Protein backbone atom coordinates (compact mmCIF):
# COMPACT_ATOMS: atom_id res chain seq x y z
CA MET A 1 104.20 97.91 73.90
CA SER A 2 101.39 99.73 75.63
CA GLU A 3 100.92 103.46 75.46
CA THR A 4 101.41 103.77 79.19
CA LYS A 5 104.98 102.49 78.85
CA SER A 6 105.93 104.87 76.09
CA ARG A 7 105.56 108.07 78.09
CA GLY A 8 108.28 108.31 80.68
CA LEU A 9 107.83 106.31 83.86
CA ALA A 10 105.68 103.21 83.36
CA LEU A 11 102.14 103.37 84.72
CA HIS A 12 102.58 100.59 87.27
CA TRP A 13 105.53 102.44 88.86
CA ARG A 14 103.48 105.64 89.02
CA ILE A 15 100.67 103.71 90.72
CA LEU A 16 103.13 102.23 93.22
CA ILE A 17 104.51 105.68 93.97
CA GLY A 18 101.00 107.05 94.44
CA LEU A 19 100.15 104.15 96.75
CA ALA A 20 103.27 104.74 98.86
CA ILE A 21 102.72 108.50 99.07
CA GLY A 22 99.08 108.01 100.06
CA ALA A 23 99.97 105.47 102.76
CA VAL A 24 102.82 107.50 104.28
CA ALA A 25 100.91 110.79 104.14
CA GLY A 26 97.82 109.19 105.68
CA LEU A 27 99.74 107.61 108.56
CA VAL A 28 101.70 110.80 109.27
CA CYS A 29 98.56 112.96 109.23
CA LYS A 30 96.68 110.51 111.45
CA GLN A 31 99.60 110.39 113.91
CA TRP A 32 100.00 114.18 114.11
CA LEU A 33 96.40 115.36 113.77
CA GLY A 34 94.54 112.40 115.28
CA ASP A 35 90.77 112.63 114.83
CA SER A 36 90.72 116.33 114.04
CA PRO A 37 87.66 117.56 112.09
CA GLY A 38 89.88 119.11 109.43
CA LEU A 39 91.68 115.84 108.63
CA LYS A 40 88.42 113.93 108.63
CA TRP A 41 86.84 116.45 106.25
CA PHE A 42 89.83 116.39 103.88
CA SER A 43 90.04 112.61 103.95
CA GLU A 44 86.35 112.05 103.25
CA ASN A 45 85.64 114.93 100.87
CA ILE A 46 88.90 115.33 98.95
CA ALA A 47 91.07 112.20 99.11
CA ASN A 48 88.25 109.65 99.05
CA THR A 49 86.37 111.62 96.38
CA ILE A 50 89.41 111.57 94.08
CA GLY A 51 89.71 107.83 94.61
CA GLN A 52 86.02 107.26 93.98
CA ILE A 53 86.15 109.23 90.73
CA PHE A 54 88.85 106.86 89.48
CA LEU A 55 86.93 103.78 90.63
CA ARG A 56 83.64 104.95 89.16
CA LEU A 57 85.24 105.56 85.77
CA ILE A 58 86.41 101.95 85.86
CA PHE A 59 83.16 100.49 87.23
CA MET A 60 81.24 102.50 84.65
CA VAL A 61 82.57 100.33 81.82
CA VAL A 62 82.67 96.92 83.55
CA ILE A 63 79.22 95.74 82.40
CA PRO A 64 79.50 96.89 78.75
CA LEU A 65 83.08 95.57 78.65
CA VAL A 66 82.01 92.13 79.90
CA PHE A 67 79.17 92.00 77.38
CA CYS A 68 81.29 93.07 74.40
CA ALA A 69 84.39 91.03 75.29
CA LEU A 70 82.46 87.84 76.01
CA THR A 71 80.08 88.10 73.07
CA LEU A 72 82.90 88.86 70.63
CA GLY A 73 85.10 86.15 72.14
CA VAL A 74 82.42 83.48 71.79
CA ALA A 75 81.47 84.62 68.29
CA GLU A 76 85.12 84.56 67.20
CA ILE A 77 85.65 81.06 68.63
CA GLY A 78 82.75 79.95 66.45
CA ASP A 79 82.81 76.23 67.28
CA VAL A 80 80.38 75.43 70.11
CA ARG A 81 82.28 72.22 70.93
CA LYS A 82 85.54 74.15 71.26
CA LEU A 83 83.73 76.68 73.44
CA GLY A 84 82.52 73.87 75.69
CA ARG A 85 86.04 72.48 76.09
CA LEU A 86 87.39 75.96 76.82
CA GLY A 87 84.63 76.60 79.37
CA LEU A 88 85.31 73.28 81.10
CA MET A 89 89.05 73.96 81.24
CA THR A 90 88.42 77.47 82.61
CA PHE A 91 86.14 76.07 85.31
CA LEU A 92 88.65 73.40 86.31
CA MET A 93 91.54 75.88 86.45
CA THR A 94 89.47 78.34 88.49
CA LEU A 95 88.47 75.55 90.87
CA LEU A 96 92.08 74.37 91.17
CA PHE A 97 93.65 77.75 91.91
CA SER A 98 90.78 78.96 94.12
CA GLY A 99 91.04 75.71 96.08
CA ALA A 100 94.78 76.21 96.46
CA SER A 101 94.27 79.75 97.77
CA VAL A 102 91.70 78.51 100.31
CA MET A 103 94.06 75.78 101.54
CA ILE A 104 96.93 78.25 101.87
CA GLY A 105 94.73 80.72 103.77
CA LEU A 106 93.33 78.12 106.15
CA GLY A 107 96.76 76.59 106.68
CA LEU A 108 98.33 79.93 107.60
CA ALA A 109 95.35 80.90 109.77
CA ASN A 110 95.61 77.71 111.80
CA THR A 111 99.41 77.81 111.94
CA LEU A 112 100.13 81.48 112.65
CA LYS A 113 96.84 82.34 114.43
CA PRO A 114 97.44 86.11 114.12
CA GLY A 115 94.27 86.96 116.03
CA THR A 116 95.69 85.51 119.25
CA SER A 117 98.10 88.45 119.58
CA LEU A 118 95.19 90.86 120.11
CA SER A 119 94.33 91.81 123.65
CA GLU A 120 90.73 91.57 124.80
CA GLU A 121 90.52 95.37 124.89
CA SER A 122 91.79 95.68 121.30
CA ARG A 123 89.42 92.96 120.13
CA GLU A 124 86.41 94.69 121.66
CA ARG A 125 87.52 98.02 120.19
CA LEU A 126 87.71 96.54 116.70
CA LYS A 127 84.36 94.81 117.12
CA GLU A 128 82.69 98.07 118.10
CA GLN A 129 84.13 99.86 115.08
CA PHE A 130 83.21 97.24 112.48
CA THR A 131 80.42 95.15 113.99
CA LYS A 132 77.60 96.75 111.96
CA ASP A 133 79.28 96.00 108.65
CA ALA A 134 80.05 92.47 109.85
CA ASP A 135 76.47 91.80 110.98
CA ASP A 136 75.07 93.07 107.69
CA LYS A 137 77.30 90.73 105.69
CA ILE A 138 76.52 87.74 107.89
CA LYS A 139 72.76 88.35 107.62
CA LYS A 140 73.07 88.66 103.86
CA ALA A 141 75.04 85.40 103.71
CA ASP A 142 72.50 83.62 105.94
CA SER A 143 69.69 84.63 103.59
CA SER A 144 71.44 83.27 100.50
CA LYS A 145 69.46 81.04 98.14
CA GLY A 146 69.67 77.28 97.82
CA ILE A 147 71.62 75.55 95.08
CA VAL A 148 68.61 74.96 92.80
CA ALA A 149 67.49 78.60 92.96
CA THR A 150 71.08 79.72 92.46
CA LEU A 151 71.44 77.60 89.33
CA LEU A 152 68.12 78.91 87.95
CA ASP A 153 69.23 82.50 88.61
CA ILE A 154 72.11 82.02 86.18
CA ILE A 155 69.49 82.28 83.43
CA PRO A 156 68.26 85.89 83.80
CA ARG A 157 64.59 86.82 83.49
CA ASN A 158 65.70 90.32 82.50
CA PRO A 159 69.41 90.72 81.57
CA LEU A 160 69.13 94.50 81.70
CA GLN A 161 67.85 94.37 85.29
CA GLU A 162 70.69 92.02 86.21
CA ALA A 163 73.19 94.40 84.61
CA VAL A 164 71.82 97.38 86.56
CA GLY A 165 72.25 95.65 89.92
CA ALA A 166 75.32 93.55 89.14
CA LEU A 167 77.92 95.69 90.92
CA ASP A 168 75.98 96.82 93.99
CA GLY A 169 74.31 93.47 94.71
CA SER A 170 70.75 94.72 94.12
CA SER A 171 70.05 92.43 91.15
CA PRO A 172 67.20 89.96 91.77
CA GLY A 173 69.15 87.06 90.29
CA SER A 174 72.82 86.25 89.83
CA GLY A 175 73.90 89.71 88.72
CA LEU A 176 77.06 89.69 86.64
CA LEU A 177 76.80 85.93 86.12
CA GLY A 178 73.40 86.46 84.49
CA VAL A 179 74.89 89.13 82.23
CA MET A 180 77.63 86.72 81.25
CA PHE A 181 75.13 83.96 80.48
CA PHE A 182 73.20 86.33 78.22
CA SER A 183 76.48 87.35 76.54
CA LEU A 184 77.39 83.70 75.96
CA CYS A 185 73.99 83.07 74.40
CA MET A 186 74.36 86.11 72.15
CA GLY A 187 77.81 85.02 71.04
CA VAL A 188 76.62 81.49 70.23
CA ALA A 189 73.55 82.85 68.43
CA LEU A 190 75.68 85.16 66.29
CA THR A 191 77.76 82.20 65.11
CA THR A 192 74.61 80.51 63.77
CA ILE A 193 73.26 83.32 61.56
CA GLY A 194 76.19 83.62 59.16
CA ASP A 195 76.71 86.90 57.30
CA LYS A 196 73.79 88.54 59.09
CA ALA A 197 75.98 88.69 62.20
CA LYS A 198 78.67 90.86 60.57
CA PRO A 199 76.97 94.26 61.16
CA VAL A 200 76.32 93.36 64.82
CA LEU A 201 79.91 92.20 65.32
CA ALA A 202 81.22 95.38 63.67
CA VAL A 203 79.17 97.52 66.08
CA LEU A 204 80.35 95.49 69.08
CA GLU A 205 83.98 95.77 67.95
CA GLY A 206 83.67 99.54 67.63
CA PHE A 207 81.94 99.73 71.01
CA TYR A 208 84.70 97.61 72.54
CA GLU A 209 87.44 99.90 71.21
CA ALA A 210 85.59 102.94 72.59
CA ILE A 211 85.40 101.25 76.01
CA MET A 212 89.14 100.55 75.94
CA ALA A 213 89.76 104.22 75.15
CA ILE A 214 87.77 105.16 78.28
CA ILE A 215 89.79 102.67 80.32
CA ARG A 216 93.09 104.12 79.09
CA THR A 217 91.90 107.59 80.14
CA ALA A 218 90.77 106.32 83.53
CA MET A 219 94.08 104.54 84.13
CA ALA A 220 95.92 107.81 83.56
CA LEU A 221 94.21 108.94 86.79
CA ALA A 222 95.13 105.73 88.61
CA PRO A 223 98.20 107.04 90.52
CA LEU A 224 96.21 109.95 91.96
CA GLY A 225 93.12 107.81 92.56
CA VAL A 226 95.03 105.06 94.38
CA ALA A 227 96.86 107.67 96.48
CA GLY A 228 93.50 109.12 97.53
CA LEU A 229 92.04 105.71 98.41
CA VAL A 230 95.07 104.68 100.47
CA PHE A 231 95.20 108.06 102.23
CA TYR A 232 91.53 107.69 103.18
CA ALA A 233 92.02 104.11 104.41
CA THR A 234 95.10 104.90 106.52
CA THR A 235 93.53 107.97 108.13
CA LEU A 236 90.45 105.88 108.91
CA LEU A 237 92.41 103.01 110.46
CA GLY A 238 95.48 104.81 111.76
CA PHE A 239 98.84 103.41 112.76
CA ASP A 240 97.57 102.00 116.04
CA ILE A 241 95.11 99.63 114.36
CA ILE A 242 97.64 98.74 111.68
CA ARG A 243 100.11 97.89 114.45
CA LEU A 244 97.47 95.71 116.10
CA LEU A 245 96.89 93.96 112.78
CA ALA A 246 100.59 93.42 112.10
CA GLY A 247 100.24 89.67 112.56
CA TYR A 248 97.30 89.57 110.19
CA VAL A 249 99.13 91.69 107.61
CA VAL A 250 102.14 89.36 107.76
CA ALA A 251 99.87 86.32 107.35
CA VAL A 252 98.07 87.87 104.36
CA ILE A 253 101.28 88.93 102.61
CA LEU A 254 102.83 85.53 103.25
CA GLY A 255 99.76 83.79 101.84
CA LEU A 256 99.68 86.00 98.76
CA SER A 257 103.41 85.45 98.21
CA ILE A 258 103.08 81.67 98.44
CA HIS A 259 100.14 81.65 96.05
CA MET A 260 101.83 83.96 93.56
CA PHE A 261 105.46 82.84 93.64
CA VAL A 262 104.86 79.13 94.24
CA VAL A 263 101.44 78.06 92.94
CA TYR A 264 101.14 80.48 90.04
CA SER A 265 104.83 80.32 89.16
CA ILE A 266 104.71 76.53 88.86
CA ALA A 267 101.57 76.76 86.72
CA ILE A 268 103.09 79.43 84.46
CA TRP A 269 106.30 77.41 84.07
CA VAL A 270 104.72 73.97 83.60
CA ILE A 271 101.41 74.70 81.87
CA ALA A 272 102.05 77.93 79.96
CA LYS A 273 105.76 77.23 79.29
CA ARG A 274 106.63 80.83 80.16
CA ASN A 275 109.22 82.41 82.42
CA PRO A 276 107.30 83.41 85.59
CA LEU A 277 109.49 86.47 86.25
CA THR A 278 108.92 87.77 82.72
CA PHE A 279 105.20 87.09 83.02
CA PHE A 280 104.88 88.92 86.34
CA ARG A 281 106.85 91.85 84.94
CA ASP A 282 104.47 92.10 81.99
CA ILE A 283 101.36 92.07 84.20
CA LEU A 284 102.77 94.24 87.00
CA GLU A 285 100.24 96.95 86.19
CA VAL A 286 97.41 94.48 86.87
CA LEU A 287 98.97 93.36 90.17
CA VAL A 288 99.39 96.94 91.38
CA THR A 289 95.85 97.88 90.34
CA ALA A 290 94.42 94.86 92.15
CA PHE A 291 96.41 95.65 95.29
CA GLY A 292 95.55 99.35 95.18
CA THR A 293 91.79 98.92 94.65
CA SER A 294 91.05 95.53 96.29
CA SER A 295 88.40 95.04 93.61
CA SER A 296 88.08 92.26 91.04
CA SER A 297 85.62 94.33 89.00
CA ALA A 298 87.90 97.37 88.93
CA THR A 299 90.87 95.20 87.92
CA LEU A 300 89.13 93.32 85.09
CA PRO A 301 89.31 96.16 82.51
CA THR A 302 93.01 96.62 83.25
CA SER A 303 93.59 92.87 82.96
CA ILE A 304 91.98 92.74 79.54
CA ARG A 305 93.94 95.75 78.30
CA VAL A 306 97.28 94.45 79.60
CA VAL A 307 96.67 90.99 78.12
CA ASP A 308 95.99 92.60 74.74
CA ASP A 309 98.85 95.13 74.84
CA ASN A 310 101.62 93.32 76.74
CA LEU A 311 101.07 89.57 76.59
CA LYS A 312 99.67 89.57 73.04
CA LEU A 313 97.49 86.54 73.76
CA ASN A 314 94.73 85.26 71.53
CA ARG A 315 91.99 87.80 72.23
CA LYS A 316 89.04 85.47 71.74
CA ILE A 317 90.49 83.05 74.31
CA SER A 318 91.84 85.56 76.83
CA HIS A 319 88.70 87.68 76.97
CA PHE A 320 86.54 84.63 77.57
CA VAL A 321 88.80 83.26 80.32
CA LEU A 322 89.33 86.60 82.07
CA THR A 323 85.64 87.47 82.32
CA ILE A 324 84.61 83.96 83.38
CA GLY A 325 87.48 83.63 85.87
CA SER A 326 86.94 87.03 87.45
CA THR A 327 83.24 86.41 88.03
CA ALA A 328 83.80 82.86 89.30
CA ASN A 329 86.18 84.19 91.95
CA GLN A 330 83.68 86.85 93.02
CA MET A 331 80.92 84.25 93.30
CA ALA A 332 83.16 82.07 95.46
CA GLN A 333 83.93 85.00 97.77
CA ARG A 334 80.25 85.84 98.19
CA ARG A 335 79.50 82.29 99.31
CA ILE A 336 81.79 82.72 102.32
CA LYS A 337 79.66 83.47 105.39
CA THR A 338 82.14 84.05 108.17
CA VAL A 339 85.63 82.92 109.09
CA ARG A 340 86.70 82.86 112.71
CA LEU A 341 89.70 80.53 112.57
CA CYS A 342 92.41 83.12 113.06
CA THR A 343 90.41 85.83 114.82
CA ARG A 344 88.73 84.18 117.81
CA GLY A 345 85.51 86.11 117.47
CA LEU A 346 86.31 88.79 114.90
CA PRO A 347 84.14 88.20 111.81
CA PHE A 348 85.61 87.69 108.36
CA SER A 349 84.02 90.89 107.03
CA PHE A 350 86.15 92.96 109.44
CA TRP A 351 89.37 91.37 108.24
CA HIS A 352 88.31 91.72 104.61
CA LYS A 353 87.42 95.38 105.13
CA SER A 354 90.64 96.10 107.00
CA SER A 355 92.72 94.71 104.14
CA GLY A 356 90.86 96.60 101.42
CA TRP A 357 88.52 99.56 101.30
CA ILE A 358 86.53 98.21 98.40
CA SER A 359 84.74 94.88 98.71
CA ARG A 360 83.37 93.94 95.34
């Protein structure tokens, strides 16, 4: 049992409470105080700063965590042929579940069409507020590289340079994917040098444990950090915009529910031979962290820790699958240029930003 569960109220419940308090407080303050300078100052300089401190502590360890977890996982697997089979299975599972999520999203968008409930005035108001962010994302998507250049970028010219720009998108190549490729190569290389690899593996194992200690400390701040992020988001958007987006919110929650309680539950029951309710209970901390931060990168360290502490899975397998799967999903999201099916003119980047204040 994890340390977070041994000290009073479990961490995921504290995060949920923080999320609820931040949302209610933000909506109430926005309703009563409107766009007052004092609320804006507090929201930007206090609430958002607290949230960003929590996020930065998590983001700080993402790159070293990915390197250590993947290198150690590959080295512990040892057999290159087994690694190839595991990689192929991970790719197929990621493709299957990502494809299912896309089909669910497109199906709900075309069926419910939540954007049609917006008046022309509301649509123009939302466009004015978020059009710059939308245009920037569309231009970035339009300038994306071709498939050959993308495949070549997987092999980094300078893995350190890719690591530096992996989280903010400034890397010249594939970013985190390049770091992962280098980590895979290191893990495979360590399996070929026999006893000479033991000192390196010992250092990486010690480094990994130190990273996990940082993550545990950061997660102790999660309830306060999530409360600050939600407070900032709700004071920025306000109840009026949330009311306008009610149809969209319903569509998103319905889609997430179908994917989680139907697609994933069937997979957990049939493939993993586990009780889905027990599984979701054990990973509730991951679900709450993902919902509260809207960030795959910020959730990855929590996922790895929960898998180790709660699910007790084979570490060399779980670490490999989690890091590969998380990055594959991020790469798929970045290939999306714009979605207008349910919005009739509102770009995808607005809807993504309105549903989460972090887009990484």
